[in-house]
Amino acid sequence: MMIIDRNQSTTVIFILLGFSDYPEFQIPLFLVFLAIYVISVMGNLGMIAIIVINSKLHTPMYFFLKHLSLVDFCYSTVVIPKLLENLLAEDRAMPFSICMTQFFFIANCALTDTFMLAVMAYDRFVAICNPLLYMVIMSPKRCTLLMATAYSWGTLFSLLFTYSLLVLSFCGSNIIDNFVCDYSALLSAACSDKHFSELILFIVSNFNMLSTLMVICSSYIFIFVTVMKMHSVRARHKAFSTCASHLTAVGVFYGTVLFLYCIPNTKSTWFTKKMGSVFYAVVIPMLNPLIYSLRNNEVKETIRKLIDRK
């Protein structure tokens, strides 16, 4: 039975190396990540504002998109400000408690994102395969229940992940070759038996990935079959266009996650993992509002009207 060291939170310090191996690029990287953060904040908060302002967008699809934008905003805010600080600061130390808090919120946002993408796939399935019953099936009560489940899903599993790290022992100062308190990096820094934590990672990660991917894939299989049965080319195009943004977001998100999972934990691959983490935790929260706004005529029309008013 492993015992959590009660004094650990006050004695353990993590050193986030970030991009310290490239001192000549610190300022350019700071400017790039600052620009990404500004775009991400403006894009996600702007998406939320557009959906709230335009009554035509008060539908289940945009209800889910609003919450996806909220989670992406939180994701960016948990990761990027600390990254920007570490690019300028000489001292890159992070206390145990702050590191674990950051990890909890990162895991929470990532897990909630996966569930929301699955829910949005189910929403498109109902809209295309059962259009006459769409507003009945996707009632406000059911939409709220699905969102509550998504947030609960993220919170529950992130708490489990965090607990699996808290039962580990960390010895003094620990070097983390990343810009965030990443699970695999924290596992590598631990100086106690990691079997329990690795088992939790394997079970929860695979369950989360397989269950959400199963919902997404099965939803789009039914959508594809239904669309192929449509006789009108225009109807087919309209059906596929309503799924294009979501499919793009799913492809980018799961493609990056699967890429990171396929990389073995060796020293030669830490740079690749770091770059994958940049895309996963920094770039994707910025891309989602761009994907949905550029490929969505209703959102573009709302933006155009707001600009014309000014």
Protein backbone atom coordinates (compact mmCIF):
# COMPACT_ATOMS: atom_id res chain seq x y z
CA MET A 1 0.00 0.00 0.00
CA MET A 2 1.55 3.29 -1.09
CA ILE A 3 1.43 6.23 1.30
CA ILE A 4 1.33 9.85 0.15
CA ASP A 5 4.08 11.95 1.74
CA ARG A 6 2.27 14.76 3.52
CA ASN A 7 5.33 17.02 3.45
CA GLN A 8 5.93 16.40 -0.25
CA SER A 9 3.96 19.44 -1.42
CA THR A 10 6.30 21.77 0.48
CA THR A 11 9.64 20.11 -0.39
CA VAL A 12 9.39 18.97 -4.01
CA ILE A 13 10.25 21.42 -6.77
CA PHE A 14 9.86 20.78 -10.50
CA ILE A 15 12.07 22.51 -13.06
CA LEU A 16 10.31 22.97 -16.40
CA LEU A 17 12.99 23.08 -19.06
CA GLY A 18 10.58 24.20 -21.77
CA PHE A 19 12.62 25.59 -24.66
CA SER A 20 15.68 26.55 -22.58
CA ASP A 21 17.89 24.48 -24.93
CA TYR A 22 17.37 27.21 -27.54
CA PRO A 23 18.17 30.51 -25.76
CA GLU A 24 18.45 32.42 -29.04
CA PHE A 25 14.81 31.61 -29.84
CA GLN A 26 13.31 32.61 -26.47
CA ILE A 27 12.05 36.06 -27.59
CA PRO A 28 10.75 34.91 -31.02
CA LEU A 29 8.96 31.97 -29.34
CA PHE A 30 7.51 34.33 -26.74
CA LEU A 31 6.05 36.54 -29.48
CA VAL A 32 4.70 33.54 -31.41
CA PHE A 33 3.00 32.00 -28.36
CA LEU A 34 1.69 35.39 -27.25
CA ALA A 35 0.09 35.85 -30.68
CA ILE A 36 -1.40 32.35 -30.49
CA TYR A 37 -2.82 33.07 -27.03
CA VAL A 38 -4.38 36.37 -28.14
CA ILE A 39 -5.95 34.69 -31.19
CA SER A 40 -7.16 31.77 -29.06
CA VAL A 41 -8.75 34.01 -26.41
CA MET A 42 -10.36 36.33 -28.96
CA GLY A 43 -11.51 33.42 -31.13
CA ASN A 44 -13.07 31.33 -28.35
CA LEU A 45 -14.61 34.21 -26.40
CA GLY A 46 -15.75 35.74 -29.70
CA MET A 47 -17.41 32.45 -30.68
CA ILE A 48 -19.23 32.33 -27.34
CA ALA A 49 -20.36 35.96 -27.74
CA ILE A 50 -21.60 35.38 -31.31
CA ILE A 51 -23.65 32.35 -30.25
CA VAL A 52 -25.14 34.21 -27.29
CA ILE A 53 -25.98 37.34 -29.34
CA ASN A 54 -27.56 35.65 -32.38
CA SER A 55 -30.87 33.99 -31.47
CA LYS A 56 -30.70 31.96 -34.72
CA LEU A 57 -27.72 30.12 -33.24
CA HIS A 58 -29.61 29.01 -30.13
CA THR A 59 -29.73 25.41 -31.36
CA PRO A 60 -28.21 22.21 -29.92
CA MET A 61 -25.26 22.26 -32.34
CA TYR A 62 -24.21 25.77 -31.30
CA PHE A 63 -24.97 25.04 -27.65
CA PHE A 64 -22.28 22.34 -27.76
CA LEU A 65 -19.94 24.56 -29.79
CA LYS A 66 -20.29 27.30 -27.16
CA HIS A 67 -19.16 24.92 -24.43
CA LEU A 68 -16.33 23.57 -26.60
CA SER A 69 -15.09 27.16 -27.01
CA LEU A 70 -15.31 27.68 -23.24
CA VAL A 71 -13.20 24.58 -22.57
CA ASP A 72 -10.66 25.59 -25.23
CA PHE A 73 -10.38 29.06 -23.67
CA CYS A 74 -9.71 27.46 -20.26
CA TYR A 75 -7.21 25.07 -21.86
CA SER A 76 -5.21 27.94 -23.38
CA THR A 77 -5.32 29.94 -20.17
CA VAL A 78 -4.03 27.04 -18.07
CA VAL A 79 -1.07 26.35 -20.41
CA ILE A 80 0.12 29.44 -22.28
CA PRO A 81 0.60 32.13 -19.56
CA LYS A 82 2.99 29.84 -17.65
CA LEU A 83 4.74 28.98 -20.92
CA LEU A 84 5.21 32.71 -21.65
CA GLU A 85 6.54 33.30 -18.14
CA ASN A 86 9.10 30.48 -18.46
CA LEU A 87 10.33 31.85 -21.80
CA LEU A 88 11.38 35.10 -20.10
CA ALA A 89 12.20 34.00 -16.54
CA GLU A 90 15.56 32.74 -15.36
CA ASP A 91 13.91 30.68 -12.62
CA ARG A 92 11.73 27.96 -14.14
CA ALA A 93 10.95 26.24 -10.84
CA MET A 94 7.38 25.19 -10.06
CA PRO A 95 6.25 23.98 -6.61
CA PHE A 96 4.67 20.55 -6.30
CA SER A 97 1.18 21.89 -5.49
CA ILE A 98 1.10 24.30 -8.46
CA CYS A 99 2.39 21.63 -10.84
CA MET A 100 -0.30 19.17 -9.75
CA THR A 101 -2.98 21.87 -10.00
CA GLN A 102 -1.89 22.73 -13.53
CA PHE A 103 -1.88 19.05 -14.50
CA PHE A 104 -5.40 18.56 -13.06
CA PHE A 105 -6.86 21.40 -15.15
CA ILE A 106 -4.98 20.34 -18.30
CA ALA A 107 -6.28 16.78 -17.94
CA ASN A 108 -9.76 18.09 -17.16
CA CYS A 109 -9.91 20.24 -20.29
CA ALA A 110 -8.45 17.51 -22.55
CA LEU A 111 -10.83 14.80 -21.29
CA THR A 112 -13.85 17.11 -21.45
CA ASP A 113 -12.86 18.02 -25.03
CA THR A 114 -12.89 14.37 -26.10
CA PHE A 115 -16.35 13.79 -24.63
CA MET A 116 -17.70 16.99 -26.22
CA LEU A 117 -16.45 15.94 -29.65
CA ALA A 118 -18.28 12.63 -29.19
CA VAL A 119 -21.46 14.45 -28.12
CA MET A 120 -21.22 16.75 -31.15
CA ALA A 121 -20.89 13.70 -33.43
CA TYR A 122 -24.04 12.24 -31.86
CA ASP A 123 -25.79 15.58 -32.42
CA ARG A 124 -24.92 15.50 -36.15
CA PHE A 125 -26.11 11.87 -36.32
CA VAL A 126 -29.53 12.79 -34.91
CA ALA A 127 -29.80 15.91 -37.11
CA ILE A 128 -29.11 14.01 -40.36
CA CYS A 129 -30.55 10.57 -39.64
CA ASN A 130 -33.63 11.68 -37.66
CA PRO A 131 -34.30 15.28 -38.78
CA LEU A 132 -38.02 15.22 -37.94
CA LEU A 133 -37.35 14.19 -34.34
CA TYR A 134 -34.18 16.28 -33.94
CA MET A 135 -35.61 18.98 -31.65
CA VAL A 136 -37.44 16.33 -29.61
CA ILE A 137 -34.41 14.08 -29.11
CA MET A 138 -31.96 16.96 -28.60
CA SER A 139 -34.20 18.83 -26.19
CA PRO A 140 -32.71 21.58 -23.96
CA LYS A 141 -32.94 19.22 -21.00
CA ARG A 142 -31.00 16.46 -22.80
CA CYS A 143 -28.39 18.92 -24.10
CA THR A 144 -27.82 20.22 -20.57
CA LEU A 145 -27.57 16.66 -19.27
CA LEU A 146 -24.99 15.76 -21.95
CA MET A 147 -22.91 18.83 -21.10
CA ALA A 148 -23.11 18.08 -17.37
CA THR A 149 -21.93 14.54 -18.17
CA ALA A 150 -19.03 15.90 -20.25
CA TYR A 151 -17.83 18.13 -17.42
CA SER A 152 -18.31 15.35 -14.86
CA TRP A 153 -16.44 12.92 -17.14
CA GLY A 154 -13.48 15.30 -17.35
CA THR A 155 -13.45 16.06 -13.64
CA LEU A 156 -13.75 12.43 -12.52
CA PHE A 157 -10.96 11.05 -14.68
CA SER A 158 -8.66 14.03 -14.13
CA LEU A 159 -9.05 13.52 -10.38
CA LEU A 160 -8.15 9.85 -10.88
CA PHE A 161 -5.08 10.79 -12.94
CA THR A 162 -4.02 13.37 -10.35
CA TYR A 163 -4.43 10.88 -7.50
CA SER A 164 -2.27 8.36 -9.37
CA LEU A 165 0.50 10.98 -9.37
CA LEU A 166 -0.01 12.01 -5.76
CA VAL A 167 0.73 8.48 -4.53
CA LEU A 168 4.18 8.67 -6.12
CA SER A 169 7.30 9.94 -4.36
CA PHE A 170 9.41 12.71 -5.87
CA CYS A 171 12.93 13.35 -4.63
CA GLY A 172 13.99 16.99 -4.25
CA SER A 173 14.31 18.96 -7.51
CA ASN A 174 12.92 17.19 -10.56
CA ILE A 175 13.70 18.07 -14.17
CA ILE A 176 10.71 18.03 -16.53
CA ASP A 177 11.74 18.27 -20.18
CA ASN A 178 8.55 20.00 -21.22
CA PHE A 179 6.78 23.34 -20.85
CA VAL A 180 3.84 21.90 -18.85
CA CYS A 181 3.41 19.40 -16.05
CA ASP A 182 2.84 16.49 -18.41
CA TYR A 183 1.79 13.06 -17.09
CA SER A 184 4.53 11.07 -18.79
CA ALA A 185 7.21 13.58 -17.74
CA LEU A 186 5.98 13.48 -14.13
CA LEU A 187 6.06 9.68 -14.20
CA SER A 188 9.64 9.77 -15.45
CA ALA A 189 10.60 12.13 -12.61
CA ALA A 190 9.12 9.91 -9.88
CA CYS A 191 11.51 7.88 -7.70
CA SER A 192 9.04 5.27 -6.42
CA ASP A 193 7.16 2.31 -7.87
CA LYS A 194 5.14 3.53 -10.89
CA HIS A 195 3.14 0.36 -11.60
CA PHE A 196 -0.15 1.68 -10.18
CA SER A 197 0.13 5.02 -12.03
CA GLU A 198 1.06 3.35 -15.32
CA LEU A 199 -1.89 0.98 -14.95
CA ILE A 200 -4.26 3.91 -14.35
CA LEU A 201 -2.83 5.71 -17.39
CA PHE A 202 -3.24 2.64 -19.61
CA ILE A 203 -6.81 1.79 -18.50
CA VAL A 204 -8.28 5.31 -18.36
CA SER A 205 -6.57 6.61 -21.51
CA ASN A 206 -7.59 3.63 -23.61
CA PHE A 207 -11.13 3.59 -22.22
CA ASN A 208 -11.52 7.31 -22.90
CA MET A 209 -10.08 7.13 -26.42
CA LEU A 210 -11.89 3.95 -27.49
CA SER A 211 -15.29 4.91 -26.07
CA THR A 212 -15.35 8.40 -27.58
CA LEU A 213 -13.91 7.24 -30.91
CA MET A 214 -16.53 4.48 -31.03
CA VAL A 215 -19.33 7.05 -30.64
CA ILE A 216 -17.77 9.32 -33.28
CA CYS A 217 -17.07 6.54 -35.81
CA SER A 218 -20.45 4.82 -35.41
CA SER A 219 -22.24 8.19 -35.72
CA TYR A 220 -20.46 9.01 -38.97
CA ILE A 221 -21.00 5.53 -40.40
CA PHE A 222 -24.76 5.99 -39.97
CA ILE A 223 -24.49 9.54 -41.34
CA PHE A 224 -22.60 8.32 -44.43
CA VAL A 225 -25.13 5.56 -45.10
CA THR A 226 -28.05 7.99 -44.71
CA VAL A 227 -26.47 10.63 -46.96
CA MET A 228 -25.67 8.08 -49.67
CA LYS A 229 -29.37 7.15 -49.77
CA MET A 230 -30.32 10.76 -50.58
CA HIS A 231 -31.26 11.27 -54.23
CA SER A 232 -30.59 15.01 -54.29
CA VAL A 233 -26.97 16.05 -54.83
CA ARG A 234 -27.75 19.37 -53.14
CA ALA A 235 -29.13 17.59 -50.07
CA ARG A 236 -25.99 15.42 -49.89
CA HIS A 237 -23.74 18.46 -50.12
CA LYS A 238 -25.69 20.28 -47.41
CA ALA A 239 -25.55 17.24 -45.11
CA PHE A 240 -21.80 16.78 -45.57
CA SER A 241 -21.13 20.51 -45.16
CA THR A 242 -22.80 20.51 -41.72
CA CYS A 243 -20.30 17.82 -40.65
CA ALA A 244 -17.19 19.26 -42.28
CA SER A 245 -16.13 21.52 -39.39
CA HIS A 246 -16.64 18.83 -36.77
CA LEU A 247 -14.80 16.20 -38.83
CA THR A 248 -11.88 18.61 -39.28
CA ALA A 249 -11.74 19.30 -35.52
CA VAL A 250 -11.93 15.57 -34.75
CA GLY A 251 -9.21 14.73 -37.27
CA VAL A 252 -6.83 17.37 -35.89
CA PHE A 253 -7.50 16.49 -32.22
CA TYR A 254 -7.38 12.69 -32.41
CA GLY A 255 -4.63 12.69 -35.02
CA THR A 256 -2.37 14.62 -32.65
CA VAL A 257 -3.31 12.47 -29.64
CA LEU A 258 -2.69 9.21 -31.50
CA PHE A 259 0.62 10.58 -32.80
CA LEU A 260 1.75 11.33 -29.23
CA TYR A 261 0.63 7.90 -28.01
CA CYS A 262 2.63 6.15 -30.73
CA ILE A 263 5.94 7.75 -29.67
CA PRO A 264 8.01 5.55 -27.29
CA ASN A 265 9.37 7.13 -24.10
CA THR A 266 13.02 7.46 -25.07
CA LYS A 267 15.31 10.46 -24.70
CA SER A 268 15.59 10.88 -28.47
CA THR A 269 11.85 11.44 -28.78
CA TRP A 270 11.34 14.04 -26.04
CA PHE A 271 11.73 16.91 -28.52
CA THR A 272 9.11 15.32 -30.78
CA LYS A 273 6.81 14.88 -27.79
CA LYS A 274 7.36 18.50 -26.83
CA MET A 275 6.39 19.66 -30.32
CA GLY A 276 3.34 17.39 -30.23
CA SER A 277 2.38 18.88 -26.86
CA VAL A 278 2.66 22.38 -28.36
CA PHE A 279 0.21 21.44 -31.09
CA TYR A 280 -2.09 19.54 -28.70
CA ALA A 281 -2.22 22.05 -25.84
CA VAL A 282 -1.51 25.37 -27.58
CA VAL A 283 -2.43 25.27 -31.26
CA ILE A 284 -5.63 23.16 -31.24
CA PRO A 285 -7.53 25.47 -28.80
CA MET A 286 -6.72 28.31 -31.24
CA LEU A 287 -7.70 26.31 -34.34
CA ASN A 288 -11.16 25.16 -33.23
CA PRO A 289 -12.91 28.58 -33.41
CA LEU A 290 -11.16 29.26 -36.73
CA ILE A 291 -12.31 25.91 -38.14
CA TYR A 292 -15.92 26.44 -37.09
CA SER A 293 -16.09 30.09 -38.15
CA LEU A 294 -14.42 29.69 -41.56
CA ARG A 295 -16.53 26.68 -42.57
CA ASN A 296 -19.84 27.85 -41.10
CA ASN A 297 -22.00 30.25 -43.11
CA GLU A 298 -24.24 31.20 -40.18
CA VAL A 299 -21.29 32.19 -38.02
CA LYS A 300 -19.69 34.10 -40.89
CA GLU A 301 -22.96 35.91 -41.55
CA THR A 302 -23.22 36.95 -37.89
CA ILE A 303 -19.63 38.25 -37.94
CA ARG A 304 -20.34 40.17 -41.15
CA LYS A 305 -23.41 41.83 -39.61
CA LEU A 306 -21.49 42.81 -36.49
CA ILE A 307 -18.75 44.39 -38.63
CA ASP A 308 -21.32 46.26 -40.77
CA ARG A 309 -22.94 47.72 -37.63
CA LYS A 310 -19.62 49.21 -36.61
